[in-house]
Amino acid sequence: MKEKMIVVVRPDGSVEIETVGFKGKACVDFARPFKEALGEVEAERKKPEYYARGEVKKWQSQTLE
């Protein structure tokens, strides 16, 4: 599965970011610039994939599709 990020902006202005297709901590590195740009994080939930062993990728740039 290709790695991607889903961003949901609700009418009340709250934002939810979900990463899909990542294994291990690569999702944290990928989402970090977006989380920093959005400001304070209210809650964070790590999915089972976060704890899976996998290849760690370093991202030079992010593209939104």
PDB file of N, CA and C in Angstrom:
ATOM      1  N   MET A   1       0.834  -1.173   0.000  1.00  0.00           N
ATOM      2  CA  MET A   1       0.000   0.000   0.000  1.00  0.00           C
ATOM      3  C   MET A   1       0.882   1.240   0.000  1.00  0.00           C
ATOM      4  N   LYS A   2       0.516   2.202  -0.802  1.00  0.00           N
ATOM      5  CA  LYS A   2       1.264   3.448  -0.888  1.00  0.00           C
ATOM      6  C   LYS A   2       1.003   4.299   0.353  1.00  0.00           C
ATOM      7  N   GLU A   3       2.059   4.954   0.838  1.00  0.00           N
ATOM      8  CA  GLU A   3       1.916   5.812   2.002  1.00  0.00           C
ATOM      9  C   GLU A   3       1.155   7.078   1.621  1.00  0.00           C
ATOM     10  N   LYS A   4       0.257   7.493   2.505  1.00  0.00           N
ATOM     11  CA  LYS A   4      -0.472   8.734   2.274  1.00  0.00           C
ATOM     12  C   LYS A   4      -0.960   9.294   3.602  1.00  0.00           C
ATOM     13  N   MET A   5      -1.419  10.528   3.536  1.00  0.00           N
ATOM     14  CA  MET A   5      -1.954  11.181   4.713  1.00  0.00           C
ATOM     15  C   MET A   5      -3.341  11.713   4.370  1.00  0.00           C
ATOM     16  N   ILE A   6      -4.278  11.484   5.276  1.00  0.00           N
ATOM     17  CA  ILE A   6      -5.640  11.979   5.107  1.00  0.00           C
ATOM     18  C   ILE A   6      -5.838  13.093   6.127  1.00  0.00           C
ATOM     19  N   VAL A   7      -6.285  14.255   5.639  1.00  0.00           N
ATOM     20  CA  VAL A   7      -6.515  15.398   6.517  1.00  0.00           C
ATOM     21  C   VAL A   7      -7.995  15.743   6.448  1.00  0.00           C
ATOM     22  N   VAL A   8      -8.645  15.771   7.607  1.00  0.00           N
ATOM     23  CA  VAL A   8     -10.063  16.118   7.688  1.00  0.00           C
ATOM     24  C   VAL A   8     -10.183  17.411   8.482  1.00  0.00           C
ATOM     25  N   VAL A   9     -10.817  18.424   7.868  1.00  0.00           N
ATOM     26  CA  VAL A   9     -11.081  19.690   8.550  1.00  0.00           C
ATOM     27  C   VAL A   9     -12.587  19.755   8.783  1.00  0.00           C
ATOM     28  N   ARG A  10     -12.966  19.795  10.038  1.00  0.00           N
ATOM     29  CA  ARG A  10     -14.388  19.799  10.403  1.00  0.00           C
ATOM     30  C   ARG A  10     -14.937  21.238  10.439  1.00  0.00           C
ATOM     31  N   PRO A  11     -16.251  21.365  10.348  1.00  0.00           N
ATOM     32  CA  PRO A  11     -16.858  22.706  10.375  1.00  0.00           C
ATOM     33  C   PRO A  11     -16.488  23.536  11.609  1.00  0.00           C
ATOM     34  N   ASP A  12     -16.210  22.867  12.728  1.00  0.00           N
ATOM     35  CA  ASP A  12     -15.840  23.605  13.939  1.00  0.00           C
ATOM     36  C   ASP A  12     -14.378  24.042  13.939  1.00  0.00           C
ATOM     37  N   GLY A  13     -13.644  23.708  12.871  1.00  0.00           N
ATOM     38  CA  GLY A  13     -12.243  24.112  12.739  1.00  0.00           C
ATOM     39  C   GLY A  13     -11.246  23.097  13.248  1.00  0.00           C
ATOM     40  N   SER A  14     -11.730  22.030  13.879  1.00  0.00           N
ATOM     41  CA  SER A  14     -10.796  21.004  14.343  1.00  0.00           C
ATOM     42  C   SER A  14     -10.286  20.212  13.137  1.00  0.00           C
ATOM     43  N   VAL A  15      -9.085  19.699  13.274  1.00  0.00           N
ATOM     44  CA  VAL A  15      -8.423  18.985  12.180  1.00  0.00           C
ATOM     45  C   VAL A  15      -7.988  17.619  12.667  1.00  0.00           C
ATOM     46  N   GLU A  16      -8.188  16.611  11.823  1.00  0.00           N
ATOM     47  CA  GLU A  16      -7.725  15.256  12.117  1.00  0.00           C
ATOM     48  C   GLU A  16      -6.767  14.843  11.004  1.00  0.00           C
ATOM     49  N   ILE A  17      -5.614  14.330  11.403  1.00  0.00           N
ATOM     50  CA  ILE A  17      -4.623  13.827  10.450  1.00  0.00           C
ATOM     51  C   ILE A  17      -4.481  12.333  10.668  1.00  0.00           C
ATOM     52  N   GLU A  18      -4.568  11.573   9.598  1.00  0.00           N
ATOM     53  CA  GLU A  18      -4.358  10.128   9.678  1.00  0.00           C
ATOM     54  C   GLU A  18      -3.340   9.731   8.616  1.00  0.00           C
ATOM     55  N   THR A  19      -2.335   8.983   9.028  1.00  0.00           N
ATOM     56  CA  THR A  19      -1.372   8.456   8.066  1.00  0.00           C
ATOM     57  C   THR A  19      -1.750   7.009   7.764  1.00  0.00           C
ATOM     58  N   VAL A  20      -1.561   6.618   6.513  1.00  0.00           N
ATOM     59  CA  VAL A  20      -1.949   5.285   6.055  1.00  0.00           C
ATOM     60  C   VAL A  20      -0.789   4.680   5.267  1.00  0.00           C
ATOM     61  N   GLY A  21      -0.525   3.400   5.494  1.00  0.00           N
ATOM     62  CA  GLY A  21       0.481   2.690   4.719  1.00  0.00           C
ATOM     63  C   GLY A  21       1.892   2.746   5.280  1.00  0.00           C
ATOM     64  N   PHE A  22       2.063   3.374   6.415  1.00  0.00           N
ATOM     65  CA  PHE A  22       3.383   3.468   7.037  1.00  0.00           C
ATOM     66  C   PHE A  22       3.562   2.344   8.038  1.00  0.00           C
ATOM     67  N   LYS A  23       4.806   1.961   8.276  1.00  0.00           N
ATOM     68  CA  LYS A  23       5.142   1.012   9.334  1.00  0.00           C
ATOM     69  C   LYS A  23       6.164   1.670  10.224  1.00  0.00           C
ATOM     70  N   GLY A  24       6.045   1.414  11.512  1.00  0.00           N
ATOM     71  CA  GLY A  24       7.005   1.983  12.449  1.00  0.00           C
ATOM     72  C   GLY A  24       6.804   3.472  12.615  1.00  0.00           C
ATOM     73  N   LYS A  25       7.883   4.154  12.952  1.00  0.00           N
ATOM     74  CA  LYS A  25       7.824   5.570  13.291  1.00  0.00           C
ATOM     75  C   LYS A  25       7.885   6.497  12.085  1.00  0.00           C
ATOM     76  N   ALA A  26       7.915   5.966  10.882  1.00  0.00           N
ATOM     77  CA  ALA A  26       7.980   6.800   9.683  1.00  0.00           C
ATOM     78  C   ALA A  26       6.774   7.724   9.586  1.00  0.00           C
ATOM     79  N   CYS A  27       5.627   7.279  10.091  1.00  0.00           N
ATOM     80  CA  CYS A  27       4.418   8.104  10.049  1.00  0.00           C
ATOM     81  C   CYS A  27       4.593   9.380  10.866  1.00  0.00           C
ATOM     82  N   VAL A  28       5.292   9.289  11.990  1.00  0.00           N
ATOM     83  CA  VAL A  28       5.511  10.445  12.856  1.00  0.00           C
ATOM     84  C   VAL A  28       6.374  11.478  12.125  1.00  0.00           C
ATOM     85  N   ASP A  29       7.441  11.022  11.487  1.00  0.00           N
ATOM     86  CA  ASP A  29       8.321  11.925  10.742  1.00  0.00           C
ATOM     87  C   ASP A  29       7.582  12.591   9.590  1.00  0.00           C
ATOM     88  N   PHE A  30       6.738  11.827   8.909  1.00  0.00           N
ATOM     89  CA  PHE A  30       6.002  12.352   7.764  1.00  0.00           C
ATOM     90  C   PHE A  30       4.993  13.418   8.205  1.00  0.00           C
ATOM     91  N   ALA A  31       4.279  13.184   9.284  1.00  0.00           N
ATOM     92  CA  ALA A  31       3.214  14.092   9.723  1.00  0.00           C
ATOM     93  C   ALA A  31       3.727  15.292  10.520  1.00  0.00           C
ATOM     94  N   ARG A  32       4.944  15.232  11.025  1.00  0.00           N
ATOM     95  CA  ARG A  32       5.469  16.278  11.916  1.00  0.00           C
ATOM     96  C   ARG A  32       5.314  17.694  11.353  1.00  0.00           C
ATOM     97  N   PRO A  33       5.734  17.984  10.118  1.00  0.00           N
ATOM     98  CA  PRO A  33       5.607  19.372   9.635  1.00  0.00           C
ATOM     99  C   PRO A  33       4.160  19.859   9.599  1.00  0.00           C
ATOM    100  N   PHE A  34       3.246  18.975   9.311  1.00  0.00           N
ATOM    101  CA  PHE A  34       1.837  19.356   9.244  1.00  0.00           C
ATOM    102  C   PHE A  34       1.299  19.628  10.643  1.00  0.00           C
ATOM    103  N   LYS A  35       1.662  18.782  11.598  1.00  0.00           N
ATOM    104  CA  LYS A  35       1.221  18.981  12.977  1.00  0.00           C
ATOM    105  C   LYS A  35       1.780  20.284  13.534  1.00  0.00           C
ATOM    106  N   GLU A  36       3.042  20.573  13.230  1.00  0.00           N
ATOM    107  CA  GLU A  36       3.657  21.811  13.705  1.00  0.00           C
ATOM    108  C   GLU A  36       2.972  23.028  13.097  1.00  0.00           C
ATOM    109  N   ALA A  37       2.611  22.935  11.826  1.00  0.00           N
ATOM    110  CA  ALA A  37       1.956  24.058  11.152  1.00  0.00           C
ATOM    111  C   ALA A  37       0.552  24.304  11.696  1.00  0.00           C
ATOM    112  N   LEU A  38      -0.119  23.247  12.122  1.00  0.00           N
ATOM    113  CA  LEU A  38      -1.486  23.379  12.602  1.00  0.00           C
ATOM    114  C   LEU A  38      -1.573  23.857  14.043  1.00  0.00           C
ATOM    115  N   GLY A  39      -0.511  23.705  14.799  1.00  0.00           N
ATOM    116  CA  GLY A  39      -0.519  24.190  16.174  1.00  0.00           C
ATOM    117  C   GLY A  39      -0.662  23.090  17.201  1.00  0.00           C
ATOM    118  N   GLU A  40      -1.365  23.416  18.287  1.00  0.00           N
ATOM    119  CA  GLU A  40      -1.483  22.514  19.426  1.00  0.00           C
ATOM    120  C   GLU A  40      -2.187  21.203  19.068  1.00  0.00           C
ATOM    121  N   VAL A  41      -1.629  20.094  19.558  1.00  0.00           N
ATOM    122  CA  VAL A  41      -2.217  18.772  19.357  1.00  0.00           C
ATOM    123  C   VAL A  41      -3.082  18.457  20.563  1.00  0.00           C
ATOM    124  N   GLU A  42      -4.357  18.195  20.313  1.00  0.00           N
ATOM    125  CA  GLU A  42      -5.284  17.878  21.397  1.00  0.00           C
ATOM    126  C   GLU A  42      -5.151  16.433  21.841  1.00  0.00           C
ATOM    127  N   ALA A  43      -5.025  15.529  20.876  1.00  0.00           N
ATOM    128  CA  ALA A  43      -4.915  14.101  21.187  1.00  0.00           C
ATOM    129  C   ALA A  43      -4.140  13.417  20.069  1.00  0.00           C
ATOM    130  N   GLU A  44      -3.497  12.317  20.425  1.00  0.00           N
ATOM    131  CA  GLU A  44      -2.752  11.534  19.438  1.00  0.00           C
ATOM    132  C   GLU A  44      -2.982  10.064  19.721  1.00  0.00           C
ATOM    133  N   ARG A  45      -3.261   9.307  18.660  1.00  0.00           N
ATOM    134  CA  ARG A  45      -3.495   7.871  18.810  1.00  0.00           C
ATOM    135  C   ARG A  45      -2.606   7.152  17.813  1.00  0.00           C
ATOM    136  N   LYS A  46      -1.836   6.214  18.313  1.00  0.00           N
ATOM    137  CA  LYS A  46      -0.971   5.428  17.433  1.00  0.00           C
ATOM    138  C   LYS A  46      -1.671   4.123  17.079  1.00  0.00           C
ATOM    139  N   LYS A  47      -1.701   3.826  15.786  1.00  0.00           N
ATOM    140  CA  LYS A  47      -2.341   2.603  15.301  1.00  0.00           C
ATOM    141  C   LYS A  47      -1.358   1.435  15.449  1.00  0.00           C
ATOM    142  N   PRO A  48      -1.836   0.199  15.341  1.00  0.00           N
ATOM    143  CA  PRO A  48      -0.952  -0.970  15.480  1.00  0.00           C
ATOM    144  C   PRO A  48       0.247  -0.943  14.525  1.00  0.00           C
ATOM    145  N   GLU A  49       0.092  -0.343  13.355  1.00  0.00           N
ATOM    146  CA  GLU A  49       1.182  -0.267  12.380  1.00  0.00           C
ATOM    147  C   GLU A  49       2.383   0.496  12.936  1.00  0.00           C
ATOM    148  N   TYR A  50       2.128   1.411  13.856  1.00  0.00           N
ATOM    149  CA  TYR A  50       3.207   2.184  14.456  1.00  0.00           C
ATOM    150  C   TYR A  50       4.188   1.264  15.181  1.00  0.00           C
ATOM    151  N   TYR A  51       3.665   0.229  15.785  1.00  0.00           N
ATOM    152  CA  TYR A  51       4.482  -0.696  16.566  1.00  0.00           C
ATOM    153  C   TYR A  51       5.072  -1.826  15.727  1.00  0.00           C
ATOM    154  N   ALA A  52       4.709  -1.874  14.438  1.00  0.00           N
ATOM    155  CA  ALA A  52       5.235  -2.916  13.539  1.00  0.00           C
ATOM    156  C   ALA A  52       6.657  -2.560  13.122  1.00  0.00           C
ATOM    157  N   ARG A  53       7.440  -3.585  12.962  1.00  0.00           N
ATOM    158  CA  ARG A  53       8.797  -3.361  12.469  1.00  0.00           C
ATOM    159  C   ARG A  53       8.743  -3.234  10.961  1.00  0.00           C
ATOM    160  N   GLY A  54       9.445  -2.274  10.467  1.00  0.00           N
ATOM    161  CA  GLY A  54       9.465  -2.059   9.029  1.00  0.00           C
ATOM    162  C   GLY A  54      10.599  -1.134   8.677  1.00  0.00           C
ATOM    163  N   GLU A  55      10.749  -0.909   7.415  1.00  0.00           N
ATOM    164  CA  GLU A  55      11.784  -0.019   6.937  1.00  0.00           C
ATOM    165  C   GLU A  55      11.446   1.408   7.336  1.00  0.00           C
ATOM    166  N   VAL A  56      12.407   2.091   7.917  1.00  0.00           N
ATOM    167  CA  VAL A  56      12.201   3.487   8.307  1.00  0.00           C
ATOM    168  C   VAL A  56      12.668   4.350   7.151  1.00  0.00           C
ATOM    169  N   LYS A  57      11.782   5.217   6.691  1.00  0.00           N
ATOM    170  CA  LYS A  57      12.103   6.101   5.575  1.00  0.00           C
ATOM    171  C   LYS A  57      12.239   7.519   6.092  1.00  0.00           C
ATOM    172  N   LYS A  58      13.194   8.241   5.547  1.00  0.00           N
ATOM    173  CA  LYS A  58      13.332   9.664   5.858  1.00  0.00           C
ATOM    174  C   LYS A  58      12.778  10.421   4.656  1.00  0.00           C
ATOM    175  N   TRP A  59      11.927  11.360   4.935  1.00  0.00           N
ATOM    176  CA  TRP A  59      11.248  12.109   3.868  1.00  0.00           C
ATOM    177  C   TRP A  59      11.950  13.431   3.630  1.00  0.00           C
ATOM    178  N   GLN A  60      12.320  13.679   2.385  1.00  0.00           N
ATOM    179  CA  GLN A  60      12.934  14.942   2.008  1.00  0.00           C
ATOM    180  C   GLN A  60      11.868  15.996   1.714  1.00  0.00           C
ATOM    181  N   SER A  61      10.761  15.551   1.151  1.00  0.00           N
ATOM    182  CA  SER A  61       9.665  16.471   0.861  1.00  0.00           C
ATOM    183  C   SER A  61       8.368  15.678   0.873  1.00  0.00           C
ATOM    184  N   GLN A  62       7.275  16.379   1.056  1.00  0.00           N
ATOM    185  CA  GLN A  62       5.982  15.739   1.070  1.00  0.00           C
ATOM    186  C   GLN A  62       5.139  16.279  -0.091  1.00  0.00           C
ATOM    187  N   THR A  63       4.385  15.370  -0.698  1.00  0.00           N
ATOM    188  CA  THR A  63       3.481  15.764  -1.765  1.00  0.00           C
ATOM    189  C   THR A  63       2.087  15.344  -1.386  1.00  0.00           C
ATOM    190  N   LEU A  64       1.148  16.186  -1.629  1.00  0.00           N
ATOM    191  CA  LEU A  64      -0.253  15.835  -1.382  1.00  0.00           C
ATOM    192  C   LEU A  64      -0.899  15.480  -2.696  1.00  0.00           C
ATOM    193  N   GLU A  65      -1.643  14.420  -2.691  1.00  0.00           N
ATOM    194  CA  GLU A  65      -2.329  14.004  -3.917  1.00  0.00           C
ATOM    195  C   GLU A  65      -3.780  14.391  -3.854  1.00  0.00           C
TER     196      GLU A  65
END
